[in-house]
């Protein structure tokens, strides 16, 4: 059960990470630009 849980939680993490990175990049640019 633990193995299947980790497996199903793996892919979403990979998908969420790049999106969060893009969000942070946009946020950093917005806060840098006056």
N, C-alpha and C. Protein backbone atom coordinates (compact mmCIF):
# COMPACT_ATOMS: atom_id res chain seq x y z
N UNK A 1 0.85 -1.20 0.00
CA UNK A 1 0.00 0.00 0.00
C UNK A 1 0.89 1.26 0.00
N UNK A 2 1.90 1.27 0.85
CA UNK A 2 2.80 2.42 0.91
C UNK A 2 3.50 2.66 -0.42
N UNK A 3 3.86 1.55 -1.10
CA UNK A 3 4.57 1.69 -2.38
C UNK A 3 3.66 2.34 -3.43
N UNK A 4 2.42 1.88 -3.52
CA UNK A 4 1.50 2.42 -4.53
C UNK A 4 1.18 3.89 -4.21
N UNK A 5 1.15 4.23 -2.93
CA UNK A 5 0.87 5.61 -2.53
C UNK A 5 2.00 6.52 -2.99
N UNK A 6 3.24 6.07 -2.76
CA UNK A 6 4.40 6.86 -3.18
C UNK A 6 4.43 6.98 -4.70
N UNK A 7 4.02 5.90 -5.37
CA UNK A 7 4.02 5.91 -6.85
C UNK A 7 3.01 6.92 -7.37
N UNK A 8 1.82 6.94 -6.78
CA UNK A 8 0.77 7.84 -7.27
C UNK A 8 1.08 9.29 -6.88
N UNK A 9 1.89 9.47 -5.84
CA UNK A 9 2.24 10.83 -5.41
C UNK A 9 3.45 11.36 -6.17
N UNK A 10 4.19 10.49 -6.85
CA UNK A 10 5.41 10.90 -7.55
C UNK A 10 5.14 11.85 -8.71
N UNK A 11 4.39 11.39 -9.73
CA UNK A 11 4.18 12.22 -10.92
C UNK A 11 3.61 13.61 -10.62
N UNK A 12 2.55 13.76 -9.83
CA UNK A 12 2.01 15.09 -9.54
C UNK A 12 3.07 16.03 -8.99
N UNK A 13 3.98 15.51 -8.16
CA UNK A 13 5.03 16.33 -7.58
C UNK A 13 5.91 16.90 -8.69
N UNK A 14 6.21 16.05 -9.69
CA UNK A 14 7.05 16.49 -10.80
C UNK A 14 6.33 17.55 -11.63
N UNK A 15 5.02 17.41 -11.73
CA UNK A 15 4.22 18.37 -12.53
C UNK A 15 4.07 19.69 -11.77
N UNK A 16 3.88 19.60 -10.45
CA UNK A 16 3.64 20.79 -9.64
C UNK A 16 4.92 21.62 -9.51
N UNK A 17 6.07 20.95 -9.39
CA UNK A 17 7.33 21.67 -9.15
C UNK A 17 7.64 22.70 -10.24
N UNK A 18 7.66 22.30 -11.52
CA UNK A 18 7.95 23.27 -12.59
C UNK A 18 6.95 24.43 -12.61
N UNK A 19 5.67 24.13 -12.34
CA UNK A 19 4.64 25.18 -12.33
C UNK A 19 4.94 26.17 -11.21
N UNK A 20 5.30 25.66 -10.03
CA UNK A 20 5.64 26.53 -8.91
C UNK A 20 6.86 27.37 -9.25
N UNK A 21 7.84 26.76 -9.92
CA UNK A 21 9.06 27.47 -10.31
C UNK A 21 8.71 28.64 -11.23
N UNK A 22 7.82 28.37 -12.20
CA UNK A 22 7.41 29.42 -13.14
C UNK A 22 6.68 30.53 -12.38
N UNK A 23 5.83 30.14 -11.44
CA UNK A 23 5.07 31.11 -10.66
C UNK A 23 6.04 32.00 -9.87
N UNK A 24 7.04 31.38 -9.26
CA UNK A 24 8.01 32.12 -8.46
C UNK A 24 8.81 33.07 -9.35
N UNK A 25 9.17 32.61 -10.56
CA UNK A 25 9.92 33.45 -11.49
C UNK A 25 9.09 34.69 -11.86
N UNK A 26 7.81 34.47 -12.15
CA UNK A 26 6.93 35.58 -12.51
C UNK A 26 6.79 36.53 -11.32
N UNK A 27 6.64 35.97 -10.13
CA UNK A 27 6.48 36.77 -8.92
C UNK A 27 7.74 37.61 -8.68
N UNK A 28 8.91 36.99 -8.86
CA UNK A 28 10.18 37.69 -8.65
C UNK A 28 10.32 38.84 -9.66
N UNK A 29 9.94 38.58 -10.91
CA UNK A 29 10.03 39.62 -11.94
C UNK A 29 9.10 40.78 -11.61
N UNK A 30 7.89 40.44 -11.16
CA UNK A 30 6.90 41.49 -10.85
C UNK A 30 7.36 42.34 -9.67
N UNK A 31 7.96 41.71 -8.67
CA UNK A 31 8.40 42.45 -7.49
C UNK A 31 9.65 43.26 -7.80
N UNK A 32 10.43 42.82 -8.80
CA UNK A 32 11.64 43.56 -9.19
C UNK A 32 11.27 44.77 -10.04
N UNK A 33 10.30 44.60 -10.93
CA UNK A 33 9.88 45.71 -11.80
C UNK A 33 9.04 46.71 -11.02
N UNK A 34 9.34 47.98 -11.11
CA UNK A 34 8.59 49.01 -10.37
C UNK A 34 7.21 49.24 -10.96
